Amino acid sequence: MTANLATAVLLDIDDTLVDTRGAFRHALTEVAAEYLDAGANPEAVLAHWRDDRGGWYRAHTRGEMTHREQRKRRANDLHATFGGPTLDDEAYDIWDAGFERHFRAGWRAFEDAAPLLNALDERGIPYGAVSNADSAYQVLKLSACGLQRVPMLVGVDTFGVGKPDPRVFVEGCRLLAVEPAVTAYVGDEPDLDAGGAARAGLHGVWLDRPGTRRAGHDTAPDGTSRVESLLSVLELLS
């Protein structure tokens, strides 16, 4: 991205504003202790969950399955890989209640989230969130992390699909009353976030926090920018 072009910012939430990776680590540590074989490597368990090699979460964001179905499939895949029992519907409901409780207990904002928002407020730059999760759930998450000032604009429930569908980015711009061409979209996934935003006519920004890359996330797509901190986004704004 050429510097000093964006005058508005749309933000991803998970692993952008909120350390969802850390929350998953917290939840999966509890899951491993209760369900998985002794000795399962915590980092391997976390990496397996985040990689979602079956592509089920993305199938959910394409409107192909419910959130419950994708999480149940991921839970059973995790158990099959690390030595846990197969979960039928009743067993999964118990599993998910515990997982969700521990997941929520691990929600934390990144240290650079509030400083970015403070700077945007000081400059009078409009901002809001566009996420591949349900809107009400993300409002709850933002509030729990002290980020309730971030307007939750578009979730997967808005159109029944999520990023990289261009409609979600364009709708976020519409709700901010700004044009895509002057809006930066910041997220941790280079293909869905930065690439998807660029294809929708926004300035795509890949937030590549050191030490947090997922498998297959190697380079920023053409026509996008890469930053290592939310505060670096300020350098891209007018």
Protein backbone atom coordinates (compact mmCIF):
# COMPACT_ATOMS: atom_id res chain seq x y z
CA MET A 1 0.00 0.00 0.00
CA THR A 2 1.17 3.51 -0.73
CA ALA A 3 1.46 5.43 2.50
CA ASN A 4 -1.04 8.10 3.52
CA LEU A 5 -3.97 6.89 1.45
CA ALA A 6 -6.39 5.45 4.00
CA THR A 7 -8.72 7.70 5.98
CA ALA A 8 -10.78 4.96 7.66
CA VAL A 9 -9.97 1.59 9.21
CA LEU A 10 -11.85 -1.70 9.38
CA LEU A 11 -10.47 -4.25 11.81
CA ASP A 12 -10.56 -7.98 12.17
CA ILE A 13 -11.08 -9.11 15.79
CA ASP A 14 -9.61 -12.56 16.40
CA ASP A 15 -5.81 -12.52 16.54
CA THR A 16 -5.90 -8.87 15.49
CA LEU A 17 -7.51 -6.98 18.38
CA VAL A 18 -7.98 -10.00 20.66
CA ASP A 19 -5.38 -12.67 21.41
CA THR A 20 -7.61 -15.52 20.35
CA ARG A 21 -4.61 -17.80 19.89
CA GLY A 22 -3.85 -17.36 23.59
CA ALA A 23 -7.49 -18.05 24.48
CA PHE A 24 -7.45 -21.22 22.40
CA ARG A 25 -4.25 -22.29 24.15
CA HIS A 26 -5.95 -21.81 27.51
CA ALA A 27 -9.04 -23.79 26.47
CA LEU A 28 -7.12 -26.57 24.74
CA THR A 29 -4.82 -27.04 27.73
CA GLU A 30 -7.91 -27.84 29.78
CA VAL A 31 -9.32 -30.07 27.03
CA ALA A 32 -6.05 -31.98 26.78
CA ALA A 33 -5.94 -32.59 30.51
CA GLU A 34 -9.47 -33.96 30.55
CA TYR A 35 -9.80 -35.77 27.22
CA LEU A 36 -6.51 -36.39 25.41
CA ASP A 37 -3.73 -38.90 25.95
CA ALA A 38 -1.19 -37.96 28.57
CA GLY A 39 1.86 -36.33 27.06
CA ALA A 40 0.09 -34.58 24.20
CA ASN A 41 2.29 -31.61 23.27
CA PRO A 42 0.35 -28.42 24.07
CA GLU A 43 1.85 -26.46 21.18
CA ALA A 44 1.12 -29.29 18.75
CA VAL A 45 -2.48 -29.43 19.98
CA LEU A 46 -2.83 -25.67 19.53
CA ALA A 47 -1.25 -25.71 16.07
CA HIS A 48 -3.51 -28.55 14.97
CA TRP A 49 -6.62 -26.69 16.13
CA ARG A 50 -5.61 -23.41 14.51
CA ASP A 51 -4.55 -25.01 11.23
CA ASP A 52 -8.01 -26.63 10.85
CA ARG A 53 -6.70 -28.93 8.16
CA GLY A 54 -10.18 -30.13 7.35
CA GLY A 55 -11.14 -26.58 6.41
CA TRP A 56 -14.31 -26.78 8.48
CA TYR A 57 -14.27 -23.27 9.89
CA ARG A 58 -13.86 -21.84 6.43
CA ALA A 59 -16.70 -24.07 5.26
CA HIS A 60 -18.79 -22.46 8.00
CA THR A 61 -17.87 -18.97 6.78
CA ARG A 62 -18.94 -19.99 3.28
CA GLY A 63 -22.37 -20.88 4.67
CA GLU A 64 -21.86 -24.62 4.20
CA MET A 65 -22.30 -25.74 7.82
CA THR A 66 -23.29 -24.39 11.21
CA HIS A 67 -20.84 -23.16 13.80
CA ARG A 68 -21.73 -26.15 15.98
CA GLU A 69 -21.05 -28.63 13.19
CA GLN A 70 -17.66 -27.17 12.32
CA ARG A 71 -16.54 -27.13 15.95
CA LYS A 72 -17.75 -30.68 16.56
CA ARG A 73 -15.82 -31.90 13.53
CA ARG A 74 -12.70 -30.09 14.69
CA ALA A 75 -13.07 -31.51 18.20
CA ASN A 76 -13.35 -35.08 16.90
CA ASP A 77 -10.44 -34.55 14.53
CA LEU A 78 -8.38 -33.25 17.46
CA HIS A 79 -9.31 -36.29 19.53
CA ALA A 80 -8.52 -38.69 16.67
CA THR A 81 -5.08 -37.11 16.30
CA PHE A 82 -4.14 -36.88 19.98
CA GLY A 83 -5.91 -39.86 21.50
CA GLY A 84 -9.28 -38.69 22.73
CA PRO A 85 -12.71 -40.37 22.58
CA THR A 86 -15.10 -39.91 19.69
CA LEU A 87 -17.78 -37.40 20.67
CA ASP A 88 -21.41 -38.08 19.82
CA ASP A 89 -23.92 -35.24 20.05
CA GLU A 90 -24.48 -35.57 23.79
CA ALA A 91 -20.79 -35.94 24.62
CA TYR A 92 -19.92 -33.04 22.33
CA ASP A 93 -22.39 -30.72 24.09
CA ILE A 94 -20.61 -31.43 27.39
CA TRP A 95 -17.21 -30.99 25.74
CA ASP A 96 -18.22 -27.71 24.12
CA ALA A 97 -19.64 -26.23 27.30
CA GLY A 98 -16.30 -26.76 29.04
CA PHE A 99 -14.28 -25.62 26.03
CA GLU A 100 -16.31 -22.44 25.68
CA ARG A 101 -16.03 -21.63 29.38
CA HIS A 102 -12.25 -21.94 29.30
CA PHE A 103 -12.03 -20.14 25.95
CA ARG A 104 -13.89 -17.13 27.28
CA ALA A 105 -11.77 -17.08 30.42
CA GLY A 106 -8.73 -16.65 28.15
CA TRP A 107 -9.99 -13.65 26.17
CA ARG A 108 -7.50 -10.77 26.32
CA ALA A 109 -6.90 -7.71 24.15
CA PHE A 110 -3.46 -7.31 22.61
CA GLU A 111 -1.36 -4.60 24.24
CA ASP A 112 -1.31 -2.53 21.06
CA ALA A 113 -5.12 -2.61 20.54
CA ALA A 114 -6.11 0.22 22.90
CA PRO A 115 -3.18 2.47 21.83
CA LEU A 116 -4.24 2.09 18.19
CA LEU A 117 -7.83 2.97 19.03
CA ASN A 118 -6.66 5.94 21.10
CA ALA A 119 -4.63 7.23 18.16
CA LEU A 120 -7.51 6.75 15.74
CA ASP A 121 -9.84 8.60 18.11
CA GLU A 122 -7.36 11.45 18.46
CA ARG A 123 -7.08 11.78 14.68
CA GLY A 124 -10.81 11.52 14.14
CA ILE A 125 -10.39 8.45 11.92
CA PRO A 126 -13.52 6.27 11.79
CA TYR A 127 -13.14 2.56 12.52
CA GLY A 128 -15.16 -0.58 13.07
CA ALA A 129 -14.93 -4.35 13.07
CA VAL A 130 -15.65 -6.88 10.33
CA SER A 131 -15.37 -10.48 11.47
CA ASN A 132 -15.99 -14.05 10.35
CA ALA A 133 -17.76 -14.85 13.62
CA ASP A 134 -21.30 -14.11 14.75
CA SER A 135 -21.91 -10.43 15.48
CA ALA A 136 -23.45 -10.85 18.95
CA TYR A 137 -20.65 -13.19 20.01
CA GLN A 138 -18.02 -10.70 18.89
CA VAL A 139 -19.75 -7.84 20.68
CA LEU A 140 -19.53 -9.93 23.84
CA LYS A 141 -15.85 -10.64 23.19
CA LEU A 142 -14.98 -7.00 22.55
CA SER A 143 -16.76 -5.95 25.74
CA ALA A 144 -15.02 -8.64 27.80
CA CYS A 145 -11.67 -7.37 26.54
CA GLY A 146 -12.39 -3.70 27.23
CA LEU A 147 -12.78 -2.86 23.55
CA GLN A 148 -16.48 -2.09 23.53
CA ARG A 149 -15.86 1.23 21.79
CA VAL A 150 -15.16 -0.72 18.58
CA PRO A 151 -18.42 -0.84 16.57
CA MET A 152 -19.15 -4.39 15.44
CA LEU A 153 -20.29 -3.75 11.87
CA VAL A 154 -20.38 -7.02 9.95
CA GLY A 155 -20.31 -10.66 11.10
CA VAL A 156 -20.77 -13.98 9.37
CA ASP A 157 -24.47 -13.71 10.20
CA THR A 158 -24.91 -10.53 8.14
CA PHE A 159 -24.93 -12.26 4.76
CA GLY A 160 -24.60 -15.88 5.86
CA VAL A 161 -21.02 -15.91 4.59
CA GLY A 162 -17.78 -14.31 5.72
CA LYS A 163 -14.48 -13.08 4.34
CA PRO A 164 -13.19 -13.13 1.66
CA ASP A 165 -16.63 -12.48 0.15
CA PRO A 166 -16.35 -8.87 -1.04
CA ARG A 167 -19.80 -8.00 0.29
CA VAL A 168 -18.64 -8.08 3.90
CA PHE A 169 -15.87 -5.55 3.29
CA VAL A 170 -18.07 -3.26 1.20
CA GLU A 171 -20.84 -3.41 3.80
CA GLY A 172 -18.38 -2.43 6.51
CA CYS A 173 -17.41 0.61 4.47
CA ARG A 174 -21.06 1.48 3.85
CA LEU A 175 -21.82 1.37 7.56
CA LEU A 176 -18.83 3.61 8.27
CA ALA A 177 -20.04 5.94 5.48
CA VAL A 178 -16.68 5.75 3.68
CA GLU A 179 -15.54 4.54 0.28
CA PRO A 180 -13.55 1.29 -0.01
CA ALA A 181 -10.75 3.09 -1.85
CA VAL A 182 -9.92 5.16 1.25
CA THR A 183 -10.35 2.36 3.79
CA ALA A 184 -7.70 0.05 5.24
CA TYR A 185 -8.71 -3.42 6.38
CA VAL A 186 -6.37 -4.96 8.96
CA GLY A 187 -6.33 -8.68 9.78
CA ASP A 188 -4.03 -11.55 10.65
CA GLU A 189 -4.77 -13.78 7.66
CA PRO A 190 -3.06 -12.72 4.43
CA ASP A 191 -5.49 -14.45 2.09
CA LEU A 192 -8.87 -13.90 3.76
CA ASP A 193 -8.11 -10.50 5.29
CA ALA A 194 -5.53 -8.56 3.29
CA GLY A 195 -6.13 -10.32 -0.02
CA GLY A 196 -9.90 -10.38 0.32
CA ALA A 197 -10.00 -6.70 1.23
CA ALA A 198 -7.79 -5.76 -1.71
CA ARG A 199 -10.03 -7.65 -4.12
CA ALA A 200 -13.00 -5.72 -2.70
CA GLY A 201 -11.28 -2.42 -3.44
CA LEU A 202 -9.90 -1.65 0.04
CA HIS A 203 -6.31 -1.34 1.18
CA GLY A 204 -5.51 -4.79 2.55
CA VAL A 205 -3.13 -4.92 5.51
CA TRP A 206 -1.74 -8.21 6.80
CA LEU A 207 -0.94 -8.08 10.52
CA ASP A 208 1.94 -10.55 10.78
CA ARG A 209 2.73 -10.56 14.48
CA PRO A 210 6.15 -12.14 15.14
CA GLY A 211 5.91 -15.78 16.19
CA THR A 212 2.22 -16.21 15.46
CA ARG A 213 2.05 -17.24 11.78
CA ARG A 214 -0.18 -20.12 10.81
CA ALA A 215 0.95 -22.81 8.41
CA GLY A 216 0.87 -21.58 4.83
CA HIS A 217 0.92 -17.88 5.69
CA ASP A 218 4.19 -16.89 4.09
CA THR A 219 3.86 -13.71 2.04
CA ALA A 220 1.55 -10.75 1.71
CA PRO A 221 -0.65 -10.92 -1.40
CA ASP A 222 0.15 -8.55 -4.25
CA GLY A 223 -1.16 -5.06 -3.69
CA THR A 224 -1.32 -5.36 0.10
CA SER A 225 0.82 -4.25 3.02
CA ARG A 226 2.41 -6.19 5.85
CA VAL A 227 2.86 -4.84 9.38
CA GLU A 228 4.05 -6.49 12.60
CA SER A 229 2.11 -4.29 15.04
CA LEU A 230 -1.23 -2.51 15.07
CA LEU A 231 0.58 0.74 15.77
CA SER A 232 2.37 0.38 12.42
CA VAL A 233 -1.03 0.79 10.76
CA LEU A 234 -0.88 4.45 11.71
CA GLU A 235 1.95 4.92 9.23
CA LEU A 236 -0.42 3.95 6.42
CA LEU A 237 -3.05 6.54 7.26
CA SER A 238 -3.43 10.14 6.19
